[in-house]
N, C-alpha and C. Protein backbone atom coordinates (compact mmCIF):
# COMPACT_ATOMS: atom_id res chain seq x y z
N MET A 1 -117.99 29.21 -31.28
CA MET A 1 -117.50 30.44 -30.70
C MET A 1 -116.27 30.18 -29.82
N ARG A 2 -116.37 29.07 -29.07
CA ARG A 2 -115.27 28.77 -28.14
C ARG A 2 -113.98 28.49 -28.92
N ARG A 3 -114.11 27.79 -30.09
CA ARG A 3 -112.91 27.52 -30.91
C ARG A 3 -112.27 28.81 -31.43
N ALA A 4 -113.09 29.77 -31.79
CA ALA A 4 -112.57 31.06 -32.29
C ALA A 4 -111.79 31.76 -31.21
N ILE A 5 -112.27 31.72 -29.96
CA ILE A 5 -111.58 32.37 -28.85
C ILE A 5 -110.26 31.69 -28.58
N VAL A 6 -110.24 30.32 -28.63
CA VAL A 6 -109.02 29.57 -28.42
C VAL A 6 -108.03 29.87 -29.55
N ALA A 7 -108.49 29.96 -30.80
CA ALA A 7 -107.61 30.26 -31.91
C ALA A 7 -106.99 31.63 -31.78
N VAL A 8 -107.76 32.61 -31.38
CA VAL A 8 -107.27 33.99 -31.17
C VAL A 8 -106.21 33.97 -30.05
N ALA A 9 -106.50 33.25 -28.97
CA ALA A 9 -105.57 33.19 -27.83
C ALA A 9 -104.23 32.56 -28.25
N VAL A 10 -104.30 31.50 -29.06
CA VAL A 10 -103.08 30.85 -29.55
C VAL A 10 -102.26 31.79 -30.43
N ILE A 11 -102.95 32.50 -31.33
CA ILE A 11 -102.27 33.46 -32.24
C ILE A 11 -101.60 34.54 -31.43
N LEU A 12 -102.31 35.07 -30.42
CA LEU A 12 -101.73 36.14 -29.59
C LEU A 12 -100.55 35.63 -28.81
N ALA A 13 -100.61 34.42 -28.29
CA ALA A 13 -99.52 33.86 -27.50
C ALA A 13 -98.27 33.66 -28.36
N VAL A 14 -98.49 33.18 -29.59
CA VAL A 14 -97.35 32.99 -30.49
C VAL A 14 -96.70 34.33 -30.85
N GLY A 15 -97.49 35.37 -31.01
CA GLY A 15 -96.98 36.68 -31.37
C GLY A 15 -96.30 37.42 -30.23
N CYS A 16 -96.38 36.89 -29.00
CA CYS A 16 -95.81 37.62 -27.85
C CYS A 16 -94.44 37.14 -27.44
N GLY A 17 -93.77 36.34 -28.23
CA GLY A 17 -92.47 35.80 -27.86
C GLY A 17 -91.44 36.90 -27.74
N GLU A 18 -90.36 36.60 -27.03
CA GLU A 18 -89.27 37.54 -26.80
C GLU A 18 -88.22 37.50 -27.94
N GLU A 19 -88.22 36.48 -28.74
CA GLU A 19 -87.19 36.36 -29.77
C GLU A 19 -87.34 37.48 -30.81
N LYS A 20 -86.22 38.15 -31.08
CA LYS A 20 -86.22 39.21 -32.06
C LYS A 20 -85.95 38.65 -33.43
N GLU A 21 -86.69 39.17 -34.41
CA GLU A 21 -86.51 38.73 -35.76
C GLU A 21 -85.28 39.41 -36.37
N GLN A 22 -84.39 38.64 -36.98
CA GLN A 22 -83.23 39.24 -37.61
C GLN A 22 -83.61 39.78 -38.97
N ALA A 23 -83.01 40.87 -39.33
CA ALA A 23 -83.28 41.47 -40.64
C ALA A 23 -82.60 40.62 -41.70
N VAL A 24 -83.35 40.22 -42.69
CA VAL A 24 -82.83 39.45 -43.80
C VAL A 24 -82.73 40.40 -44.97
N PRO A 25 -81.57 40.46 -45.63
CA PRO A 25 -81.43 41.35 -46.75
C PRO A 25 -82.44 41.04 -47.83
N ASP A 26 -83.01 42.10 -48.41
CA ASP A 26 -83.92 41.94 -49.54
C ASP A 26 -83.11 41.57 -50.76
N SER A 27 -83.68 40.68 -51.56
CA SER A 27 -83.04 40.37 -52.81
C SER A 27 -83.87 41.15 -53.88
N SER A 28 -83.23 41.97 -54.61
CA SER A 28 -83.98 42.79 -55.55
C SER A 28 -83.23 42.87 -56.87
N LYS A 29 -83.99 43.12 -57.89
CA LYS A 29 -83.40 43.35 -59.20
C LYS A 29 -82.86 44.77 -59.20
N SER A 30 -81.60 44.92 -59.48
CA SER A 30 -80.96 46.22 -59.52
C SER A 30 -80.10 46.30 -60.79
N ARG A 31 -79.88 47.53 -61.22
CA ARG A 31 -79.04 47.73 -62.41
C ARG A 31 -77.63 48.13 -61.97
N VAL A 32 -76.65 47.50 -62.62
CA VAL A 32 -75.28 47.99 -62.54
C VAL A 32 -74.97 48.48 -63.94
N TYR A 33 -74.08 49.45 -64.01
CA TYR A 33 -73.77 50.04 -65.33
C TYR A 33 -72.42 49.65 -65.80
N LEU A 34 -72.41 48.90 -66.89
CA LEU A 34 -71.18 48.47 -67.54
C LEU A 34 -70.96 49.36 -68.76
N LEU A 35 -70.04 49.01 -69.62
CA LEU A 35 -69.79 49.77 -70.83
C LEU A 35 -70.14 48.90 -72.04
N ARG A 36 -70.73 49.56 -73.02
CA ARG A 36 -71.01 48.91 -74.31
C ARG A 36 -70.73 49.93 -75.38
N ASP A 37 -69.85 49.61 -76.28
CA ASP A 37 -69.40 50.57 -77.31
C ASP A 37 -68.89 51.86 -76.67
N GLY A 38 -68.22 51.76 -75.52
CA GLY A 38 -67.64 52.92 -74.86
C GLY A 38 -68.63 53.80 -74.11
N LYS A 39 -69.88 53.38 -74.00
CA LYS A 39 -70.90 54.16 -73.32
C LYS A 39 -71.47 53.33 -72.14
N VAL A 40 -71.97 54.02 -71.11
CA VAL A 40 -72.56 53.28 -69.99
C VAL A 40 -73.82 52.57 -70.49
N TRP A 41 -74.03 51.38 -69.96
CA TRP A 41 -75.19 50.58 -70.38
C TRP A 41 -75.58 49.70 -69.20
N PRO A 42 -76.90 49.66 -68.86
CA PRO A 42 -77.32 48.91 -67.68
C PRO A 42 -77.35 47.41 -67.90
N ALA A 43 -77.06 46.69 -66.84
CA ALA A 43 -77.20 45.24 -66.81
C ALA A 43 -77.94 44.87 -65.54
N LEU A 44 -78.85 43.96 -65.66
CA LEU A 44 -79.69 43.59 -64.51
C LEU A 44 -79.01 42.56 -63.63
N ARG A 45 -79.08 42.78 -62.33
CA ARG A 45 -78.50 41.84 -61.37
C ARG A 45 -79.52 41.57 -60.24
N ASP A 46 -79.47 40.38 -59.72
CA ASP A 46 -80.24 40.01 -58.53
C ASP A 46 -79.29 40.16 -57.34
N ILE A 47 -79.47 41.24 -56.58
CA ILE A 47 -78.53 41.60 -55.53
C ILE A 47 -79.22 41.61 -54.17
N PRO A 48 -78.72 40.80 -53.23
CA PRO A 48 -79.26 40.90 -51.86
C PRO A 48 -78.81 42.22 -51.23
N LEU A 49 -79.74 43.14 -51.00
CA LEU A 49 -79.37 44.45 -50.47
C LEU A 49 -79.53 44.50 -48.96
N ALA A 50 -78.63 45.17 -48.29
CA ALA A 50 -78.70 45.39 -46.84
C ALA A 50 -78.42 46.87 -46.60
N GLY A 51 -79.04 47.45 -45.62
CA GLY A 51 -78.82 48.88 -45.34
C GLY A 51 -79.17 49.71 -46.54
N ASP A 52 -78.26 50.60 -46.93
CA ASP A 52 -78.52 51.48 -48.07
C ASP A 52 -78.21 50.78 -49.41
N GLY A 53 -77.55 49.61 -49.37
CA GLY A 53 -77.28 48.83 -50.56
C GLY A 53 -76.05 49.23 -51.32
N ALA A 54 -75.36 50.28 -50.89
CA ALA A 54 -74.22 50.81 -51.66
C ALA A 54 -73.08 49.80 -51.79
N ASP A 55 -72.70 49.14 -50.70
CA ASP A 55 -71.60 48.17 -50.78
C ASP A 55 -71.96 47.01 -51.67
N GLU A 56 -73.19 46.50 -51.55
CA GLU A 56 -73.61 45.35 -52.33
C GLU A 56 -73.63 45.65 -53.83
N ILE A 57 -74.19 46.80 -54.19
CA ILE A 57 -74.30 47.13 -55.61
C ILE A 57 -72.93 47.45 -56.19
N ALA A 58 -72.05 48.09 -55.44
CA ALA A 58 -70.68 48.37 -55.89
C ALA A 58 -69.89 47.09 -56.07
N THR A 59 -70.07 46.14 -55.16
CA THR A 59 -69.40 44.84 -55.28
C THR A 59 -69.83 44.14 -56.56
N GLU A 60 -71.09 44.20 -56.86
CA GLU A 60 -71.63 43.57 -58.07
C GLU A 60 -71.08 44.26 -59.33
N LEU A 61 -70.96 45.58 -59.27
CA LEU A 61 -70.37 46.34 -60.39
C LEU A 61 -68.92 45.88 -60.64
N ILE A 62 -68.15 45.75 -59.57
CA ILE A 62 -66.75 45.39 -59.70
C ILE A 62 -66.57 43.97 -60.27
N ARG A 63 -67.56 43.11 -60.07
CA ARG A 63 -67.49 41.76 -60.64
C ARG A 63 -67.41 41.80 -62.17
N GLY A 64 -67.98 42.87 -62.76
CA GLY A 64 -67.89 43.03 -64.22
C GLY A 64 -68.92 42.19 -64.94
N PRO A 65 -68.84 42.17 -66.28
CA PRO A 65 -69.83 41.49 -67.08
C PRO A 65 -69.72 39.97 -66.96
N SER A 66 -70.88 39.32 -67.08
CA SER A 66 -70.92 37.86 -67.11
C SER A 66 -70.43 37.41 -68.48
N ASP A 67 -70.26 36.09 -68.63
CA ASP A 67 -69.84 35.55 -69.92
C ASP A 67 -70.85 35.88 -71.01
N ASP A 68 -72.15 35.75 -70.69
CA ASP A 68 -73.20 36.07 -71.65
C ASP A 68 -73.16 37.55 -72.05
N GLU A 69 -72.91 38.43 -71.06
CA GLU A 69 -72.82 39.86 -71.37
C GLU A 69 -71.58 40.17 -72.18
N LEU A 70 -70.50 39.50 -71.92
CA LEU A 70 -69.30 39.69 -72.72
C LEU A 70 -69.57 39.38 -74.19
N GLU A 71 -70.34 38.32 -74.45
CA GLU A 71 -70.73 37.95 -75.81
C GLU A 71 -71.54 39.05 -76.49
N LEU A 72 -72.30 39.82 -75.70
CA LEU A 72 -73.12 40.93 -76.24
C LEU A 72 -72.31 42.23 -76.37
N GLY A 73 -71.05 42.21 -75.98
CA GLY A 73 -70.21 43.39 -76.14
C GLY A 73 -70.09 44.26 -74.87
N PHE A 74 -70.58 43.76 -73.73
CA PHE A 74 -70.43 44.51 -72.49
C PHE A 74 -68.96 44.44 -72.03
N ARG A 75 -68.47 45.55 -71.50
CA ARG A 75 -67.10 45.61 -70.95
C ARG A 75 -67.16 46.42 -69.66
N THR A 76 -66.01 46.57 -69.02
CA THR A 76 -65.92 47.43 -67.84
C THR A 76 -64.60 48.18 -67.85
N ALA A 77 -64.61 49.34 -67.24
CA ALA A 77 -63.39 50.14 -67.10
C ALA A 77 -62.70 49.84 -65.80
N LEU A 78 -63.31 48.99 -64.97
CA LEU A 78 -62.75 48.59 -63.67
C LEU A 78 -61.92 47.33 -63.83
N SER A 79 -60.70 47.36 -63.39
CA SER A 79 -59.85 46.20 -63.52
C SER A 79 -60.32 45.07 -62.59
N ALA A 80 -59.94 43.88 -62.92
CA ALA A 80 -60.39 42.70 -62.16
C ALA A 80 -59.90 42.75 -60.71
N ASP A 81 -58.77 43.47 -60.45
CA ASP A 81 -58.25 43.52 -59.09
C ASP A 81 -58.62 44.83 -58.38
N TYR A 82 -59.57 45.56 -58.96
CA TYR A 82 -60.01 46.81 -58.34
C TYR A 82 -60.67 46.50 -56.99
N LYS A 83 -60.27 47.23 -55.96
CA LYS A 83 -60.81 46.98 -54.61
C LYS A 83 -62.07 47.82 -54.38
N LEU A 84 -62.98 47.26 -53.61
CA LEU A 84 -64.19 47.99 -53.27
C LEU A 84 -63.84 49.25 -52.53
N PRO A 85 -64.30 50.41 -53.02
CA PRO A 85 -64.00 51.65 -52.30
C PRO A 85 -64.83 51.76 -51.04
N GLU A 86 -64.38 52.60 -50.11
CA GLU A 86 -65.17 52.89 -48.94
C GLU A 86 -66.32 53.80 -49.38
N ILE A 87 -67.54 53.44 -49.00
CA ILE A 87 -68.72 54.20 -49.42
C ILE A 87 -69.56 54.49 -48.17
N ALA A 88 -69.90 55.77 -47.99
CA ALA A 88 -70.80 56.19 -46.90
C ALA A 88 -71.92 56.99 -47.53
N VAL A 89 -73.16 56.63 -47.19
CA VAL A 89 -74.34 57.33 -47.75
C VAL A 89 -75.03 58.12 -46.66
N ALA A 90 -75.26 59.41 -46.92
CA ALA A 90 -76.00 60.27 -46.00
C ALA A 90 -76.64 61.43 -46.77
N ASP A 91 -77.88 61.73 -46.44
CA ASP A 91 -78.57 62.87 -47.06
C ASP A 91 -78.59 62.85 -48.57
N GLY A 92 -78.75 61.67 -49.16
CA GLY A 92 -78.83 61.57 -50.61
C GLY A 92 -77.49 61.57 -51.35
N VAL A 93 -76.39 61.59 -50.58
CA VAL A 93 -75.06 61.66 -51.20
C VAL A 93 -74.25 60.43 -50.80
N ALA A 94 -73.68 59.77 -51.80
CA ALA A 94 -72.76 58.68 -51.52
C ALA A 94 -71.34 59.24 -51.59
N ARG A 95 -70.61 59.13 -50.50
CA ARG A 95 -69.22 59.63 -50.46
C ARG A 95 -68.31 58.43 -50.66
N VAL A 96 -67.52 58.49 -51.71
CA VAL A 96 -66.72 57.35 -52.12
C VAL A 96 -65.22 57.74 -52.02
N GLN A 97 -64.49 56.91 -51.33
CA GLN A 97 -63.06 57.10 -51.20
C GLN A 97 -62.37 56.20 -52.22
N LEU A 98 -61.81 56.79 -53.26
CA LEU A 98 -61.22 56.01 -54.36
C LEU A 98 -59.74 55.81 -54.22
N ASP A 99 -59.29 54.61 -54.52
CA ASP A 99 -57.88 54.31 -54.60
C ASP A 99 -57.76 53.05 -55.46
N PRO A 100 -57.14 53.08 -56.56
CA PRO A 100 -56.51 54.21 -57.26
C PRO A 100 -57.55 55.04 -58.00
N GLU A 101 -57.06 56.11 -58.60
CA GLU A 101 -57.94 57.00 -59.35
C GLU A 101 -58.61 56.24 -60.49
N LEU A 102 -59.89 56.49 -60.65
CA LEU A 102 -60.63 55.85 -61.73
C LEU A 102 -60.56 56.64 -63.00
N SER A 103 -60.70 55.96 -64.14
CA SER A 103 -60.83 56.65 -65.42
C SER A 103 -62.23 57.29 -65.45
N PRO A 104 -62.45 58.25 -66.37
CA PRO A 104 -63.79 58.83 -66.49
C PRO A 104 -64.87 57.77 -66.73
N GLU A 105 -64.54 56.75 -67.54
CA GLU A 105 -65.50 55.67 -67.79
C GLU A 105 -65.82 54.89 -66.52
N GLY A 106 -64.80 54.58 -65.73
CA GLY A 106 -65.01 53.86 -64.48
C GLY A 106 -65.82 54.70 -63.51
N LEU A 107 -65.54 56.00 -63.43
CA LEU A 107 -66.28 56.86 -62.53
C LEU A 107 -67.72 56.97 -62.99
N ALA A 108 -67.96 57.04 -64.31
CA ALA A 108 -69.34 57.06 -64.84
C ALA A 108 -70.09 55.78 -64.44
N GLN A 109 -69.42 54.63 -64.57
CA GLN A 109 -70.03 53.37 -64.18
C GLN A 109 -70.44 53.43 -62.70
N LEU A 110 -69.55 53.89 -61.84
CA LEU A 110 -69.81 53.96 -60.41
C LEU A 110 -70.95 54.92 -60.10
N VAL A 111 -70.94 56.11 -60.70
CA VAL A 111 -71.99 57.11 -60.40
C VAL A 111 -73.33 56.61 -60.91
N PHE A 112 -73.41 56.07 -62.11
CA PHE A 112 -74.70 55.59 -62.63
C PHE A 112 -75.20 54.45 -61.75
N THR A 113 -74.30 53.56 -61.35
CA THR A 113 -74.72 52.41 -60.54
C THR A 113 -75.20 52.86 -59.15
N LEU A 114 -74.44 53.72 -58.47
CA LEU A 114 -74.84 54.15 -57.12
C LEU A 114 -76.13 54.98 -57.14
N THR A 115 -76.33 55.77 -58.20
CA THR A 115 -77.55 56.57 -58.26
C THR A 115 -78.77 55.74 -58.63
N GLU A 116 -78.61 54.45 -58.87
CA GLU A 116 -79.75 53.56 -59.01
C GLU A 116 -80.43 53.33 -57.66
N LEU A 117 -79.69 53.53 -56.58
CA LEU A 117 -80.21 53.31 -55.24
C LEU A 117 -81.14 54.46 -54.86
N GLU A 118 -82.23 54.12 -54.18
CA GLU A 118 -83.19 55.15 -53.74
C GLU A 118 -82.53 56.19 -52.84
N ALA A 119 -81.56 55.79 -52.05
CA ALA A 119 -80.93 56.68 -51.07
C ALA A 119 -79.87 57.59 -51.66
N VAL A 120 -79.56 57.43 -52.96
CA VAL A 120 -78.43 58.20 -53.53
C VAL A 120 -78.89 59.05 -54.72
N ARG A 121 -78.65 60.35 -54.61
CA ARG A 121 -78.95 61.28 -55.72
C ARG A 121 -77.66 61.74 -56.40
N SER A 122 -76.57 61.82 -55.63
CA SER A 122 -75.30 62.26 -56.20
C SER A 122 -74.15 61.56 -55.48
N VAL A 123 -72.96 61.73 -56.03
CA VAL A 123 -71.78 61.05 -55.50
C VAL A 123 -70.64 62.06 -55.32
N ASP A 124 -70.06 62.07 -54.12
CA ASP A 124 -68.85 62.85 -53.83
C ASP A 124 -67.69 61.87 -53.86
N VAL A 125 -66.59 62.32 -54.45
CA VAL A 125 -65.42 61.44 -54.63
C VAL A 125 -64.23 62.04 -53.91
N GLU A 126 -63.60 61.22 -53.05
CA GLU A 126 -62.31 61.61 -52.42
C GLU A 126 -61.21 60.91 -53.16
N GLU A 127 -60.28 61.69 -53.69
CA GLU A 127 -59.09 61.12 -54.35
C GLU A 127 -57.89 61.72 -53.64
N GLY A 128 -57.30 60.96 -52.75
CA GLY A 128 -56.19 61.49 -51.96
C GLY A 128 -56.69 62.62 -51.11
N ALA A 129 -56.09 63.80 -51.23
CA ALA A 129 -56.49 64.98 -50.45
C ALA A 129 -57.62 65.75 -51.12
N ALA A 130 -57.91 65.44 -52.39
CA ALA A 130 -58.93 66.18 -53.13
C ALA A 130 -60.33 65.63 -52.87
N LEU A 131 -61.31 66.51 -52.78
CA LEU A 131 -62.70 66.13 -52.67
C LEU A 131 -63.45 66.74 -53.86
N LEU A 132 -64.04 65.89 -54.69
CA LEU A 132 -64.80 66.32 -55.84
C LEU A 132 -66.26 66.03 -55.53
N THR A 133 -67.10 67.03 -55.56
CA THR A 133 -68.46 66.88 -55.05
C THR A 133 -69.52 66.98 -56.14
N GLY A 134 -70.64 66.34 -55.84
CA GLY A 134 -71.87 66.51 -56.62
C GLY A 134 -71.95 65.84 -57.96
N PHE A 135 -71.24 64.72 -58.17
CA PHE A 135 -71.34 64.02 -59.42
C PHE A 135 -72.74 63.38 -59.55
N ASP A 136 -73.37 63.59 -60.68
CA ASP A 136 -74.59 62.84 -61.00
C ASP A 136 -74.54 62.42 -62.48
N ARG A 137 -75.58 61.85 -62.96
CA ARG A 137 -75.56 61.33 -64.32
C ARG A 137 -75.32 62.38 -65.40
N THR A 138 -75.74 63.60 -65.13
CA THR A 138 -75.57 64.67 -66.13
C THR A 138 -74.13 65.03 -66.36
N ASP A 139 -73.27 64.64 -65.45
CA ASP A 139 -71.84 64.91 -65.59
C ASP A 139 -71.15 64.00 -66.62
N PHE A 140 -71.89 63.02 -67.10
CA PHE A 140 -71.27 62.02 -68.01
C PHE A 140 -72.07 61.90 -69.33
N GLU A 141 -72.58 63.01 -69.83
CA GLU A 141 -73.34 63.01 -71.09
C GLU A 141 -72.55 62.36 -72.22
N GLU A 142 -71.23 62.67 -72.29
CA GLU A 142 -70.42 62.14 -73.40
C GLU A 142 -70.23 60.62 -73.30
N LEU A 143 -70.52 60.05 -72.13
CA LEU A 143 -70.39 58.60 -71.94
C LEU A 143 -71.76 57.91 -71.89
N THR A 144 -72.80 58.66 -72.28
CA THR A 144 -74.15 58.12 -72.29
C THR A 144 -74.63 58.01 -73.73
N PRO A 145 -75.21 56.87 -74.11
CA PRO A 145 -75.68 56.75 -75.50
C PRO A 145 -76.82 57.76 -75.74
N ALA A 146 -77.03 58.11 -77.02
CA ALA A 146 -78.10 59.05 -77.36
C ALA A 146 -79.44 58.52 -76.87
N ILE A 147 -79.66 57.24 -76.94
CA ILE A 147 -80.88 56.64 -76.39
C ILE A 147 -80.40 55.55 -75.42
N LEU A 148 -80.68 55.73 -74.18
CA LEU A 148 -80.30 54.79 -73.10
C LEU A 148 -81.53 54.03 -72.66
N VAL A 149 -81.66 52.77 -73.08
CA VAL A 149 -82.78 51.94 -72.70
C VAL A 149 -82.48 51.33 -71.34
N GLU A 150 -83.34 51.62 -70.33
CA GLU A 150 -83.10 51.10 -68.98
C GLU A 150 -84.09 49.97 -68.63
N ALA A 151 -85.08 49.74 -69.49
CA ALA A 151 -85.95 48.60 -69.33
C ALA A 151 -86.72 48.42 -70.63
N PRO A 152 -86.87 47.21 -71.10
CA PRO A 152 -86.30 45.98 -70.57
C PRO A 152 -84.82 45.87 -70.88
N LEU A 153 -84.15 45.03 -70.13
CA LEU A 153 -82.72 44.85 -70.28
C LEU A 153 -82.40 43.49 -70.90
N SER A 154 -81.18 43.32 -71.32
CA SER A 154 -80.73 42.04 -71.89
C SER A 154 -81.07 40.92 -70.93
N PHE A 155 -81.57 39.83 -71.48
CA PHE A 155 -81.91 38.61 -70.77
C PHE A 155 -83.13 38.73 -69.88
N GLU A 156 -83.83 39.84 -69.93
CA GLU A 156 -85.04 40.05 -69.11
C GLU A 156 -86.24 39.59 -69.90
N ASP A 157 -87.14 38.86 -69.23
CA ASP A 157 -88.40 38.42 -69.83
C ASP A 157 -89.30 39.62 -70.08
N VAL A 158 -90.00 39.63 -71.20
CA VAL A 158 -90.92 40.72 -71.51
C VAL A 158 -92.29 40.16 -71.80
N THR A 159 -93.28 41.01 -71.63
CA THR A 159 -94.67 40.63 -71.94
C THR A 159 -95.27 41.71 -72.84
N SER A 160 -96.43 41.38 -73.39
CA SER A 160 -97.13 42.37 -74.23
C SER A 160 -98.24 42.99 -73.41
N PRO A 161 -98.44 44.27 -73.50
CA PRO A 161 -97.73 45.22 -74.37
C PRO A 161 -96.37 45.53 -73.77
N LEU A 162 -95.42 45.77 -74.64
CA LEU A 162 -94.06 46.04 -74.26
C LEU A 162 -93.94 47.46 -73.81
N ARG A 163 -93.33 47.67 -72.63
CA ARG A 163 -93.10 49.02 -72.10
C ARG A 163 -91.59 49.22 -72.04
N VAL A 164 -91.12 50.25 -72.72
CA VAL A 164 -89.71 50.57 -72.79
C VAL A 164 -89.48 51.90 -72.05
N THR A 165 -88.50 51.90 -71.14
CA THR A 165 -88.18 53.12 -70.41
C THR A 165 -86.68 53.42 -70.53
N GLY A 166 -86.37 54.70 -70.37
CA GLY A 166 -84.99 55.15 -70.45
C GLY A 166 -84.93 56.61 -70.68
N THR A 167 -83.79 57.10 -71.19
CA THR A 167 -83.64 58.51 -71.48
C THR A 167 -83.12 58.67 -72.90
N ALA A 168 -83.35 59.86 -73.45
CA ALA A 168 -82.88 60.14 -74.78
C ALA A 168 -82.30 61.55 -74.83
N ASN A 169 -81.24 61.71 -75.54
CA ASN A 169 -80.63 63.01 -75.76
C ASN A 169 -80.62 63.26 -77.25
N THR A 170 -81.85 63.37 -77.78
CA THR A 170 -82.03 63.53 -79.23
C THR A 170 -83.01 64.64 -79.51
N LEU A 171 -83.12 65.05 -80.75
CA LEU A 171 -84.06 66.11 -81.13
C LEU A 171 -85.46 65.57 -81.31
N ARG A 172 -85.63 64.31 -81.66
CA ARG A 172 -86.98 63.74 -81.85
C ARG A 172 -87.62 63.48 -80.52
N ARG A 173 -88.92 63.62 -80.50
CA ARG A 173 -89.66 63.39 -79.27
C ARG A 173 -90.52 62.15 -79.28
N THR A 174 -90.65 61.53 -80.42
CA THR A 174 -91.46 60.32 -80.51
C THR A 174 -90.59 59.15 -80.89
N PHE A 175 -91.00 58.00 -80.46
CA PHE A 175 -90.28 56.78 -80.76
C PHE A 175 -91.27 55.78 -81.30
N SER A 176 -90.91 55.18 -82.40
CA SER A 176 -91.80 54.13 -82.91
C SER A 176 -90.95 52.93 -83.32
N THR A 177 -91.55 51.79 -83.23
CA THR A 177 -90.86 50.55 -83.59
C THR A 177 -91.86 49.60 -84.21
N SER A 178 -91.38 48.68 -84.93
CA SER A 178 -92.28 47.68 -85.53
C SER A 178 -91.78 46.29 -85.25
């Protein structure tokens, strides 16, 4: 009994220190959206997220496809010298200050990638003096494949039974594979 009391006292004493624990960014699997055959397509990244994660995930998007992804046909509409835009997230909206103006494909990549974050439902875009509001994935139907598989992704390990998730813009409601 005496040992148990001493052990509890030691645990309590260790837990009462003044040193504050620093927040360590979480490393999580996140999707960035590249282009494949001219349509947005997810690629899995291991991204250390801090705060709302917007800057980290946008930085990863700007890096573009890896060599392995390039071999699979992934591309990007963002040039290699594209600068990280200013991003502020509040009330489910990511406000992005763009310079220079993005192509529709580049904007689709940015909107799909940012809306992967829990804190972001839509994206407002500032282009010079203009403010374009409320972009979400539905604004880019023409840049979305008829069947967008969001899991499993390229290079991701799978187990049985296989679970496939994503969205479809087709007339059929069932999917079968062999």
